PDB file of N, CA and C in Angstrom:
ATOM      1  N   MET A   1     -89.066   7.033-170.359  1.00  0.00           N
ATOM      2  CA  MET A   1     -89.410   7.617-171.640  1.00  0.00           C
ATOM      3  C   MET A   1     -88.852   6.752-172.779  1.00  0.00           C
ATOM      4  N   SER A   2     -89.522   6.845-173.905  1.00  0.00           N
ATOM      5  CA  SER A   2     -89.109   6.095-175.084  1.00  0.00           C
ATOM      6  C   SER A   2     -87.866   6.754-175.695  1.00  0.00           C
ATOM      7  N   PRO A   3     -87.145   6.008-176.531  1.00  0.00           N
ATOM      8  CA  PRO A   3     -85.956   6.568-177.164  1.00  0.00           C
ATOM      9  C   PRO A   3     -86.328   7.813-178.025  1.00  0.00           C
ATOM     10  N   ASN A   4     -87.490   7.773-178.640  1.00  0.00           N
ATOM     11  CA  ASN A   4     -87.987   8.917-179.385  1.00  0.00           C
ATOM     12  C   ASN A   4     -89.116   9.587-178.589  1.00  0.00           C
ATOM     13  N   PRO A   5     -89.138  10.895-178.628  1.00  0.00           N
ATOM     14  CA  PRO A   5     -90.238  11.581-177.916  1.00  0.00           C
ATOM     15  C   PRO A   5     -91.584  11.235-178.552  1.00  0.00           C
ATOM     16  N   PHE A   6     -92.604  11.303-177.765  1.00  0.00           N
ATOM     17  CA  PHE A   6     -93.924  11.007-178.271  1.00  0.00           C
ATOM     18  C   PHE A   6     -94.390  12.089-179.253  1.00  0.00           C
ATOM     19  N   PHE A   7     -94.198  13.363-178.876  1.00  0.00           N
ATOM     20  CA  PHE A   7     -94.563  14.496-179.742  1.00  0.00           C
ATOM     21  C   PHE A   7     -93.319  15.250-180.197  1.00  0.00           C
ATOM     22  N   SER A   8     -93.322  15.717-181.398  1.00  0.00           N
ATOM     23  CA  SER A   8     -92.414  16.745-181.889  1.00  0.00           C
ATOM     24  C   SER A   8     -93.246  17.999-182.128  1.00  0.00           C
ATOM     25  N   ILE A   9     -92.893  19.045-181.419  1.00  0.00           N
ATOM     26  CA  ILE A   9     -93.604  20.312-181.523  1.00  0.00           C
ATOM     27  C   ILE A   9     -92.745  21.252-182.334  1.00  0.00           C
ATOM     28  N   ILE A  10     -93.257  21.620-183.517  1.00  0.00           N
ATOM     29  CA  ILE A  10     -92.491  22.428-184.456  1.00  0.00           C
ATOM     30  C   ILE A  10     -93.005  23.853-184.409  1.00  0.00           C
ATOM     31  N   ILE A  11     -92.066  24.778-184.151  1.00  0.00           N
ATOM     32  CA  ILE A  11     -92.403  26.202-184.000  1.00  0.00           C
ATOM     33  C   ILE A  11     -91.559  27.019-184.984  1.00  0.00           C
ATOM     34  N   PRO A  12     -92.148  27.514-186.076  1.00  0.00           N
ATOM     35  CA  PRO A  12     -91.447  28.435-186.955  1.00  0.00           C
ATOM     36  C   PRO A  12     -91.335  29.785-186.244  1.00  0.00           C
ATOM     37  N   VAL A  13     -90.120  30.373-186.311  1.00  0.00           N
ATOM     38  CA  VAL A  13     -89.880  31.653-185.617  1.00  0.00           C
ATOM     39  C   VAL A  13     -89.300  32.643-186.592  1.00  0.00           C
ATOM     40  N   PHE A  14     -89.910  33.841-186.651  1.00  0.00           N
ATOM     41  CA  PHE A  14     -89.328  34.927-187.395  1.00  0.00           C
ATOM     42  C   PHE A  14     -89.621  36.242-186.653  1.00  0.00           C
ATOM     43  N   ASN A  15     -88.574  36.847-186.113  1.00  0.00           N
ATOM     44  CA  ASN A  15     -88.653  38.125-185.389  1.00  0.00           C
ATOM     45  C   ASN A  15     -89.736  38.112-184.312  1.00  0.00           C
ATOM     46  N   ARG A  16     -89.615  37.196-183.390  1.00  0.00           N
ATOM     47  CA  ARG A  16     -90.622  37.074-182.293  1.00  0.00           C
ATOM     48  C   ARG A  16     -89.965  37.184-180.918  1.00  0.00           C
ATOM     49  N   GLU A  17     -88.901  37.950-180.805  1.00  0.00           N
ATOM     50  CA  GLU A  17     -88.209  38.023-179.518  1.00  0.00           C
ATOM     51  C   GLU A  17     -89.133  38.407-178.369  1.00  0.00           C
ATOM     52  N   GLY A  18     -90.151  39.174-178.612  1.00  0.00           N
ATOM     53  CA  GLY A  18     -91.077  39.573-177.553  1.00  0.00           C
ATOM     54  C   GLY A  18     -92.125  38.554-177.193  1.00  0.00           C
ATOM     55  N   LEU A  19     -92.279  37.518-178.001  1.00  0.00           N
ATOM     56  CA  LEU A  19     -93.334  36.534-177.798  1.00  0.00           C
ATOM     57  C   LEU A  19     -92.831  35.105-177.600  1.00  0.00           C
ATOM     58  N   ILE A  20     -91.640  34.804-178.119  1.00  0.00           N
ATOM     59  CA  ILE A  20     -91.233  33.393-178.168  1.00  0.00           C
ATOM     60  C   ILE A  20     -91.021  32.760-176.786  1.00  0.00           C
ATOM     61  N   SER A  21     -90.609  33.555-175.827  1.00  0.00           N
ATOM     62  CA  SER A  21     -90.431  32.961-174.485  1.00  0.00           C
ATOM     63  C   SER A  21     -91.741  32.489-173.893  1.00  0.00           C
ATOM     64  N   GLN A  22     -92.785  33.256-174.083  1.00  0.00           N
ATOM     65  CA  GLN A  22     -94.145  32.875-173.595  1.00  0.00           C
ATOM     66  C   GLN A  22     -94.599  31.602-174.320  1.00  0.00           C
ATOM     67  N   THR A  23     -94.364  31.549-175.617  1.00  0.00           N
ATOM     68  CA  THR A  23     -94.741  30.379-176.414  1.00  0.00           C
ATOM     69  C   THR A  23     -93.992  29.147-175.942  1.00  0.00           C
ATOM     70  N   LEU A  24     -92.665  29.247-175.830  1.00  0.00           N
ATOM     71  CA  LEU A  24     -91.879  28.102-175.369  1.00  0.00           C
ATOM     72  C   LEU A  24     -92.244  27.664-173.951  1.00  0.00           C
ATOM     73  N   ASN A  25     -92.425  28.627-173.075  1.00  0.00           N
ATOM     74  CA  ASN A  25     -92.797  28.258-171.701  1.00  0.00           C
ATOM     75  C   ASN A  25     -94.151  27.582-171.639  1.00  0.00           C
ATOM     76  N   SER A  26     -95.056  27.915-172.521  1.00  0.00           N
ATOM     77  CA  SER A  26     -96.357  27.242-172.502  1.00  0.00           C
ATOM     78  C   SER A  26     -96.205  25.762-172.880  1.00  0.00           C
ATOM     79  N   VAL A  27     -95.188  25.449-173.677  1.00  0.00           N
ATOM     80  CA  VAL A  27     -94.914  24.053-174.032  1.00  0.00           C
ATOM     81  C   VAL A  27     -94.180  23.379-172.871  1.00  0.00           C
ATOM     82  N   LEU A  28     -93.192  24.053-172.326  1.00  0.00           N
ATOM     83  CA  LEU A  28     -92.414  23.434-171.235  1.00  0.00           C
ATOM     84  C   LEU A  28     -93.217  23.165-170.007  1.00  0.00           C
ATOM     85  N   ASN A  29     -94.333  23.865-169.840  1.00  0.00           N
ATOM     86  CA  ASN A  29     -95.185  23.704-168.655  1.00  0.00           C
ATOM     87  C   ASN A  29     -96.331  22.719-168.867  1.00  0.00           C
ATOM     88  N   GLN A  30     -96.213  21.885-169.889  1.00  0.00           N
ATOM     89  CA  GLN A  30     -97.256  20.879-170.172  1.00  0.00           C
ATOM     90  C   GLN A  30     -97.315  19.843-169.075  1.00  0.00           C
ATOM     91  N   THR A  31     -98.519  19.291-168.848  1.00  0.00           N
ATOM     92  CA  THR A  31     -98.667  18.192-167.910  1.00  0.00           C
ATOM     93  C   THR A  31     -98.123  16.890-168.527  1.00  0.00           C
ATOM     94  N   PHE A  32     -98.146  16.741-169.843  1.00  0.00           N
ATOM     95  CA  PHE A  32     -97.537  15.628-170.541  1.00  0.00           C
ATOM     96  C   PHE A  32     -96.132  16.037-170.992  1.00  0.00           C
ATOM     97  N   VAL A  33     -95.129  15.303-170.601  1.00  0.00           N
ATOM     98  CA  VAL A  33     -93.761  15.850-170.764  1.00  0.00           C
ATOM     99  C   VAL A  33     -92.858  15.096-171.787  1.00  0.00           C
ATOM    100  N   ASP A  34     -93.424  14.124-172.479  1.00  0.00           N
ATOM    101  CA  ASP A  34     -92.629  13.341-173.439  1.00  0.00           C
ATOM    102  C   ASP A  34     -92.713  13.987-174.797  1.00  0.00           C
ATOM    103  N   PHE A  35     -91.897  15.038-174.998  1.00  0.00           N
ATOM    104  CA  PHE A  35     -91.909  15.786-176.269  1.00  0.00           C
ATOM    105  C   PHE A  35     -90.548  16.388-176.506  1.00  0.00           C
ATOM    106  N   GLU A  36     -90.357  16.805-177.765  1.00  0.00           N
ATOM    107  CA  GLU A  36     -89.229  17.649-178.174  1.00  0.00           C
ATOM    108  C   GLU A  36     -89.822  18.886-178.781  1.00  0.00           C
ATOM    109  N   VAL A  37     -89.095  19.979-178.709  1.00  0.00           N
ATOM    110  CA  VAL A  37     -89.494  21.234-179.349  1.00  0.00           C
ATOM    111  C   VAL A  37     -88.425  21.568-180.381  1.00  0.00           C
ATOM    112  N   LEU A  38     -88.885  21.788-181.639  1.00  0.00           N
ATOM    113  CA  LEU A  38     -88.022  22.238-182.688  1.00  0.00           C
ATOM    114  C   LEU A  38     -88.359  23.654-183.018  1.00  0.00           C
ATOM    115  N   ALA A  39     -87.523  24.568-182.598  1.00  0.00           N
ATOM    116  CA  ALA A  39     -87.699  25.993-182.918  1.00  0.00           C
ATOM    117  C   ALA A  39     -86.890  26.267-184.162  1.00  0.00           C
ATOM    118  N   ILE A  40     -87.586  26.606-185.249  1.00  0.00           N
ATOM    119  CA  ILE A  40     -86.931  26.843-186.524  1.00  0.00           C
ATOM    120  C   ILE A  40     -86.883  28.343-186.758  1.00  0.00           C
ATOM    121  N   ASP A  41     -85.686  28.901-186.598  1.00  0.00           N
ATOM    122  CA  ASP A  41     -85.521  30.356-186.840  1.00  0.00           C
ATOM    123  C   ASP A  41     -85.363  30.594-188.302  1.00  0.00           C
ATOM    124  N   ASP A  42     -86.269  31.409-188.839  1.00  0.00           N
ATOM    125  CA  ASP A  42     -86.283  31.681-190.290  1.00  0.00           C
ATOM    126  C   ASP A  42     -85.559  32.976-190.609  1.00  0.00           C
ATOM    127  N   TYR A  43     -84.291  33.055-190.079  1.00  0.00           N
ATOM    128  CA  TYR A  43     -83.403  34.183-190.344  1.00  0.00           C
ATOM    129  C   TYR A  43     -83.906  35.478-189.724  1.00  0.00           C
ATOM    130  N   SER A  44     -84.206  35.410-188.454  1.00  0.00           N
ATOM    131  CA  SER A  44     -84.680  36.587-187.704  1.00  0.00           C
ATOM    132  C   SER A  44     -83.589  37.653-187.630  1.00  0.00           C
ATOM    133  N   SER A  45     -84.007  38.914-187.631  1.00  0.00           N
ATOM    134  CA  SER A  45     -83.057  40.007-187.497  1.00  0.00           C
ATOM    135  C   SER A  45     -83.119  40.638-186.090  1.00  0.00           C
ATOM    136  N   ASP A  46     -83.944  40.110-185.202  1.00  0.00           N
ATOM    137  CA  ASP A  46     -84.016  40.594-183.852  1.00  0.00           C
ATOM    138  C   ASP A  46     -83.300  39.621-182.911  1.00  0.00           C
ATOM    139  N   GLN A  47     -83.630  39.610-181.641  1.00  0.00           N
ATOM    140  CA  GLN A  47     -82.962  38.740-180.691  1.00  0.00           C
ATOM    141  C   GLN A  47     -83.708  37.412-180.415  1.00  0.00           C
ATOM    142  N   SER A  48     -84.524  36.991-181.355  1.00  0.00           N
ATOM    143  CA  SER A  48     -85.274  35.732-181.179  1.00  0.00           C
ATOM    144  C   SER A  48     -84.356  34.585-180.874  1.00  0.00           C
ATOM    145  N   VAL A  49     -83.231  34.442-181.597  1.00  0.00           N
ATOM    146  CA  VAL A  49     -82.336  33.321-181.427  1.00  0.00           C
ATOM    147  C   VAL A  49     -81.740  33.341-180.013  1.00  0.00           C
ATOM    148  N   ASN A  50     -81.334  34.501-179.539  1.00  0.00           N
ATOM    149  CA  ASN A  50     -80.762  34.598-178.194  1.00  0.00           C
ATOM    150  C   ASN A  50     -81.791  34.231-177.126  1.00  0.00           C
ATOM    151  N   THR A  51     -83.010  34.651-177.355  1.00  0.00           N
ATOM    152  CA  THR A  51     -84.090  34.315-176.423  1.00  0.00           C
ATOM    153  C   THR A  51     -84.295  32.818-176.338  1.00  0.00           C
ATOM    154  N   ILE A  52     -84.332  32.178-177.505  1.00  0.00           N
ATOM    155  CA  ILE A  52     -84.486  30.733-177.571  1.00  0.00           C
ATOM    156  C   ILE A  52     -83.316  30.050-176.904  1.00  0.00           C
ATOM    157  N   LYS A  53     -82.107  30.498-177.190  1.00  0.00           N
ATOM    158  CA  LYS A  53     -80.916  29.873-176.574  1.00  0.00           C
ATOM    159  C   LYS A  53     -80.927  29.987-175.054  1.00  0.00           C
ATOM    160  N   SER A  54     -81.402  31.103-174.525  1.00  0.00           N
ATOM    161  CA  SER A  54     -81.400  31.261-173.092  1.00  0.00           C
ATOM    162  C   SER A  54     -82.386  30.264-172.428  1.00  0.00           C
ATOM    163  N   ILE A  55     -83.494  29.982-173.098  1.00  0.00           N
ATOM    164  CA  ILE A  55     -84.467  29.007-172.600  1.00  0.00           C
ATOM    165  C   ILE A  55     -83.947  27.585-172.816  1.00  0.00           C
ATOM    166  N   MET A  56     -83.243  27.346-173.889  1.00  0.00           N
ATOM    167  CA  MET A  56     -82.649  26.040-174.198  1.00  0.00           C
ATOM    168  C   MET A  56     -81.670  25.634-173.100  1.00  0.00           C
ATOM    169  N   ASN A  57     -80.977  26.577-172.503  1.00  0.00           N
ATOM    170  CA  ASN A  57     -79.977  26.279-171.465  1.00  0.00           C
ATOM    171  C   ASN A  57     -80.613  25.568-170.289  1.00  0.00           C
ATOM    172  N   ASN A  58     -81.914  25.703-170.079  1.00  0.00           N
ATOM    173  CA  ASN A  58     -82.603  25.135-168.957  1.00  0.00           C
ATOM    174  C   ASN A  58     -83.381  23.864-169.314  1.00  0.00           C
ATOM    175  N   ASP A  59     -83.451  23.515-170.583  1.00  0.00           N
ATOM    176  CA  ASP A  59     -84.261  22.359-170.963  1.00  0.00           C
ATOM    177  C   ASP A  59     -83.732  21.746-172.249  1.00  0.00           C
ATOM    178  N   ASN A  60     -83.227  20.535-172.175  1.00  0.00           N
ATOM    179  CA  ASN A  60     -82.631  19.909-173.350  1.00  0.00           C
ATOM    180  C   ASN A  60     -83.628  19.350-174.339  1.00  0.00           C
ATOM    181  N   ARG A  61     -84.933  19.520-174.096  1.00  0.00           N
ATOM    182  CA  ARG A  61     -85.942  19.083-175.056  1.00  0.00           C
ATOM    183  C   ARG A  61     -86.084  20.080-176.200  1.00  0.00           C
ATOM    184  N   ILE A  62     -85.488  21.268-176.082  1.00  0.00           N
ATOM    185  CA  ILE A  62     -85.615  22.289-177.080  1.00  0.00           C
ATOM    186  C   ILE A  62     -84.401  22.208-178.014  1.00  0.00           C
ATOM    187  N   LYS A  63     -84.671  22.222-179.316  1.00  0.00           N
ATOM    188  CA  LYS A  63     -83.617  22.239-180.329  1.00  0.00           C
ATOM    189  C   LYS A  63     -83.838  23.452-181.217  1.00  0.00           C
ATOM    190  N   LEU A  64     -82.782  24.148-181.535  1.00  0.00           N
ATOM    191  CA  LEU A  64     -82.834  25.332-182.402  1.00  0.00           C
ATOM    192  C   LEU A  64     -82.199  24.977-183.734  1.00  0.00           C
ATOM    193  N   ILE A  65     -82.952  25.217-184.794  1.00  0.00           N
ATOM    194  CA  ILE A  65     -82.421  25.060-186.155  1.00  0.00           C
ATOM    195  C   ILE A  65     -82.580  26.421-186.847  1.00  0.00           C
ATOM    196  N   LYS A  66     -81.485  26.875-187.459  1.00  0.00           N
ATOM    197  CA  LYS A  66     -81.511  28.227-188.043  1.00  0.00           C
ATOM    198  C   LYS A  66     -81.396  28.131-189.587  1.00  0.00           C
ATOM    199  N   HIS A  67     -82.281  28.825-190.257  1.00  0.00           N
ATOM    200  CA  HIS A  67     -82.176  28.974-191.692  1.00  0.00           C
ATOM    201  C   HIS A  67     -81.125  30.016-192.003  1.00  0.00           C
ATOM    202  N   GLU A  68     -80.411  29.846-193.098  1.00  0.00           N
ATOM    203  CA  GLU A  68     -79.379  30.784-193.497  1.00  0.00           C
ATOM    204  C   GLU A  68     -79.908  31.961-194.303  1.00  0.00           C
ATOM    205  N   LYS A  69     -81.191  31.851-194.661  1.00  0.00           N
ATOM    206  CA  LYS A  69     -81.889  32.970-195.309  1.00  0.00           C
ATOM    207  C   LYS A  69     -83.370  32.784-194.995  1.00  0.00           C
ATOM    208  N   ASN A  70     -84.112  33.845-195.177  1.00  0.00           N
ATOM    209  CA  ASN A  70     -85.561  33.785-194.894  1.00  0.00           C
ATOM    210  C   ASN A  70     -86.242  32.989-196.006  1.00  0.00           C
ATOM    211  N   LYS A  71     -86.956  31.931-195.561  1.00  0.00           N
ATOM    212  CA  LYS A  71     -87.605  31.053-196.562  1.00  0.00           C
ATOM    213  C   LYS A  71     -89.117  31.011-196.378  1.00  0.00           C
ATOM    214  N   GLY A  72     -89.608  31.576-195.276  1.00  0.00           N
ATOM    215  CA  GLY A  72     -91.049  31.577-195.031  1.00  0.00           C
ATOM    216  C   GLY A  72     -91.487  30.504-194.042  1.00  0.00           C
ATOM    217  N   ARG A  73     -92.668  30.687-193.512  1.00  0.00           N
ATOM    218  CA  ARG A  73     -93.226  29.800-192.450  1.00  0.00           C
ATOM    219  C   ARG A  73     -93.372  28.362-192.952  1.00  0.00           C
ATOM    220  N   SER A  74     -93.836  28.171-194.165  1.00  0.00           N
ATOM    221  CA  SER A  74     -94.020  26.820-194.669  1.00  0.00           C
ATOM    222  C   SER A  74     -92.690  26.047-194.758  1.00  0.00           C
ATOM    223  N   ALA A  75     -91.648  26.719-195.251  1.00  0.00           N
ATOM    224  CA  ALA A  75     -90.330  26.095-195.314  1.00  0.00           C
ATOM    225  C   ALA A  75     -89.807  25.789-193.921  1.00  0.00           C
ATOM    226  N   ALA A  76     -90.056  26.678-192.949  1.00  0.00           N
ATOM    227  CA  ALA A  76     -89.621  26.429-191.577  1.00  0.00           C
ATOM    228  C   ALA A  76     -90.338  25.197-191.012  1.00  0.00           C
ATOM    229  N   ARG A  77     -91.615  25.066-191.292  1.00  0.00           N
ATOM    230  CA  ARG A  77     -92.350  23.882-190.857  1.00  0.00           C
ATOM    231  C   ARG A  77     -91.767  22.629-191.489  1.00  0.00           C
ATOM    232  N   ASN A  78     -91.460  22.688-192.768  1.00  0.00           N
ATOM    233  CA  ASN A  78     -90.901  21.533-193.475  1.00  0.00           C
ATOM    234  C   ASN A  78     -89.521  21.168-192.902  1.00  0.00           C
ATOM    235  N   THR A  79     -88.727  22.149-192.563  1.00  0.00           N
ATOM    236  CA  THR A  79     -87.419  21.909-191.936  1.00  0.00           C
ATOM    237  C   THR A  79     -87.626  21.181-190.600  1.00  0.00           C
ATOM    238  N   GLY A  80     -88.599  21.657-189.822  1.00  0.00           N
ATOM    239  CA  GLY A  80     -88.917  20.981-188.578  1.00  0.00           C
ATOM    240  C   GLY A  80     -89.339  19.542-188.781  1.00  0.00           C
ATOM    241  N   LEU A  81     -90.190  19.341-189.768  1.00  0.00           N
ATOM    242  CA  LEU A  81     -90.703  18.017-190.054  1.00  0.00           C
ATOM    243  C   LEU A  81     -89.563  17.040-190.435  1.00  0.00           C
ATOM    244  N   LYS A  82     -88.593  17.532-191.230  1.00  0.00           N
ATOM    245  CA  LYS A  82     -87.462  16.711-191.626  1.00  0.00           C
ATOM    246  C   LYS A  82     -86.582  16.327-190.428  1.00  0.00           C
ATOM    247  N   ASN A  83     -86.570  17.167-189.403  1.00  0.00           N
ATOM    248  CA  ASN A  83     -85.690  16.907-188.249  1.00  0.00           C
ATOM    249  C   ASN A  83     -86.424  16.310-187.042  1.00  0.00           C
ATOM    250  N   ALA A  84     -87.704  16.124-187.171  1.00  0.00           N
ATOM    251  CA  ALA A  84     -88.507  15.638-186.032  1.00  0.00           C
ATOM    252  C   ALA A  84     -88.181  14.167-185.724  1.00  0.00           C
ATOM    253  N   GLN A  85     -88.131  13.871-184.445  1.00  0.00           N
ATOM    254  CA  GLN A  85     -87.880  12.520-183.970  1.00  0.00           C
ATOM    255  C   GLN A  85     -89.102  11.900-183.316  1.00  0.00           C
ATOM    256  N   GLY A  86     -90.137  12.666-183.104  1.00  0.00           N
ATOM    257  CA  GLY A  86     -91.303  12.209-182.365  1.00  0.00           C
ATOM    258  C   GLY A  86     -92.201  11.281-183.194  1.00  0.00           C
ATOM    259  N   ASN A  87     -93.061  10.579-182.495  1.00  0.00           N
ATOM    260  CA  ASN A  87     -94.019   9.694-183.143  1.00  0.00           C
ATOM    261  C   ASN A  87     -95.185  10.505-183.715  1.00  0.00           C
ATOM    262  N   TRP A  88     -95.494  11.630-183.133  1.00  0.00           N
ATOM    263  CA  TRP A  88     -96.599  12.501-183.554  1.00  0.00           C
ATOM    264  C   TRP A  88     -96.051  13.914-183.729  1.00  0.00           C
ATOM    265  N   ILE A  89     -96.604  14.655-184.679  1.00  0.00           N
ATOM    266  CA  ILE A  89     -96.156  16.004-184.986  1.00  0.00           C
ATOM    267  C   ILE A  89     -97.245  17.003-184.563  1.00  0.00           C
ATOM    268  N   CYS A  90     -96.821  18.073-183.895  1.00  0.00           N
ATOM    269  CA  CYS A  90     -97.679  19.192-183.558  1.00  0.00           C
ATOM    270  C   CYS A  90     -97.018  20.472-184.085  1.00  0.00           C
ATOM    271  N   TYR A  91     -97.833  21.366-184.592  1.00  0.00           N
ATOM    272  CA  TYR A  91     -97.341  22.655-185.033  1.00  0.00           C
ATOM    273  C   TYR A  91     -97.884  23.720-184.068  1.00  0.00           C
ATOM    274  N   LEU A  92     -97.035  24.675-183.761  1.00  0.00           N
ATOM    275  CA  LEU A  92     -97.407  25.775-182.898  1.00  0.00           C
ATOM    276  C   LEU A  92     -96.792  27.033-183.470  1.00  0.00           C
ATOM    277  N   ASP A  93     -97.596  28.055-183.699  1.00  0.00           N
ATOM    278  CA  ASP A  93     -97.066  29.336-184.191  1.00  0.00           C
ATOM    279  C   ASP A  93     -96.337  30.066-183.038  1.00  0.00           C
ATOM    280  N   SER A  94     -95.371  30.860-183.401  1.00  0.00           N
ATOM    281  CA  SER A  94     -94.524  31.505-182.404  1.00  0.00           C
ATOM    282  C   SER A  94     -95.220  32.636-181.636  1.00  0.00           C
ATOM    283  N   ASP A  95     -96.435  32.921-181.962  1.00  0.00           N
ATOM    284  CA  ASP A  95     -97.204  33.935-181.216  1.00  0.00           C
ATOM    285  C   ASP A  95     -98.418  33.325-180.541  1.00  0.00           C
ATOM    286  N   ASP A  96     -98.441  31.990-180.405  1.00  0.00           N
ATOM    287  CA  ASP A  96     -99.528  31.276-179.720  1.00  0.00           C
ATOM    288  C   ASP A  96     -98.996  30.591-178.495  1.00  0.00           C
ATOM    289  N   ILE A  97     -99.913  30.135-177.651  1.00  0.00           N
ATOM    290  CA  ILE A  97     -99.530  29.386-176.468  1.00  0.00           C
ATOM    291  C   ILE A  97    -100.415  28.152-176.364  1.00  0.00           C
ATOM    292  N   TYR A  98     -99.894  27.123-175.716  1.00  0.00           N
ATOM    293  CA  TYR A  98    -100.641  25.926-175.407  1.00  0.00           C
ATOM    294  C   TYR A  98    -101.245  26.048-174.014  1.00  0.00           C
ATOM    295  N   HIS A  99    -102.486  25.616-173.853  1.00  0.00           N
ATOM    296  CA  HIS A  99    -103.048  25.414-172.514  1.00  0.00           C
ATOM    297  C   HIS A  99    -102.187  24.314-171.860  1.00  0.00           C
ATOM    298  N   LYS A 100    -102.003  24.373-170.565  1.00  0.00           N
ATOM    299  CA  LYS A 100    -101.105  23.448-169.872  1.00  0.00           C
ATOM    300  C   LYS A 100    -101.430  21.947-170.102  1.00  0.00           C
ATOM    301  N   ASP A 101    -102.678  21.646-170.442  1.00  0.00           N
ATOM    302  CA  ASP A 101    -103.082  20.268-170.688  1.00  0.00           C
ATOM    303  C   ASP A 101    -103.238  19.902-172.158  1.00  0.00           C
ATOM    304  N   HIS A 102    -102.757  20.757-173.029  1.00  0.00           N
ATOM    305  CA  HIS A 102    -102.995  20.566-174.481  1.00  0.00           C
ATOM    306  C   HIS A 102    -102.546  19.200-174.954  1.00  0.00           C
ATOM    307  N   LEU A 103    -101.320  18.817-174.640  1.00  0.00           N
ATOM    308  CA  LEU A 103    -100.826  17.496-175.109  1.00  0.00           C
ATOM    309  C   LEU A 103    -101.548  16.372-174.451  1.00  0.00           C
ATOM    310  N   GLN A 104    -101.853  16.488-173.197  1.00  0.00           N
ATOM    311  CA  GLN A 104    -102.582  15.451-172.434  1.00  0.00           C
ATOM    312  C   GLN A 104    -103.977  15.251-173.043  1.00  0.00           C
ATOM    313  N   ILE A 105    -104.642  16.357-173.348  1.00  0.00           N
ATOM    314  CA  ILE A 105    -105.978  16.280-173.953  1.00  0.00           C
ATOM    315  C   ILE A 105    -105.910  15.680-175.348  1.00  0.00           C
ATOM    316  N   THR A 106    -104.862  15.986-176.077  1.00  0.00           N
ATOM    317  CA  THR A 106    -104.662  15.396-177.417  1.00  0.00           C
ATOM    318  C   THR A 106    -104.594  13.908-177.328  1.00  0.00           C
ATOM    319  N   LEU A 107    -103.890  13.398-176.306  1.00  0.00           N
ATOM    320  CA  LEU A 107    -103.737  11.938-176.125  1.00  0.00           C
ATOM    321  C   LEU A 107    -104.966  11.275-175.574  1.00  0.00           C
ATOM    322  N   PHE A 108    -105.586  11.873-174.579  1.00  0.00           N
ATOM    323  CA  PHE A 108    -106.651  11.256-173.831  1.00  0.00           C
ATOM    324  C   PHE A 108    -107.893  12.159-173.739  1.00  0.00           C
ATOM    325  N   PRO A 109    -108.496  12.519-174.855  1.00  0.00           N
ATOM    326  CA  PRO A 109    -109.613  13.473-174.827  1.00  0.00           C
ATOM    327  C   PRO A 109    -110.788  12.977-173.989  1.00  0.00           C
ATOM    328  N   HIS A 110    -110.996  11.674-173.923  1.00  0.00           N
ATOM    329  CA  HIS A 110    -112.160  11.147-173.177  1.00  0.00           C
ATOM    330  C   HIS A 110    -112.030  11.441-171.687  1.00  0.00           C
ATOM    331  N   GLN A 111    -110.833  11.738-171.176  1.00  0.00           N
ATOM    332  CA  GLN A 111    -110.682  12.035-169.782  1.00  0.00           C
ATOM    333  C   GLN A 111    -111.127  13.457-169.457  1.00  0.00           C
ATOM    334  N   PHE A 112    -111.247  14.279-170.475  1.00  0.00           N
ATOM    335  CA  PHE A 112    -111.546  15.696-170.243  1.00  0.00           C
ATOM    336  C   PHE A 112    -112.937  16.102-170.693  1.00  0.00           C
ATOM    337  N   PHE A 113    -113.568  15.284-171.555  1.00  0.00           N
ATOM    338  CA  PHE A 113    -114.855  15.689-172.123  1.00  0.00           C
ATOM    339  C   PHE A 113    -115.923  14.677-171.812  1.00  0.00           C
TER     340      PHE A 113
END
């Protein structure tokens, strides 16, 4: 792998404890594995942070950044962008999931279509 990940996947999170594990797992189960995940917690009042931390314990490609106050989804995306190390940026909402080949298709669409 390169010193920098190929993709930085930025996920703004606000009160998504019931959904964030499915979202994160959809990224971790990608067929293309050279990525980092930046989960930006926008001052959640539920257990979103603890859910993210429990998944982080099993995969060092996940980074958690916490806002000290609620700033909104756009600010969370901008925080992720400022901290991204990847060559390419992907955004994923905390209530969405990636198909297992999403990143692979993004890189090599001619192989799939």
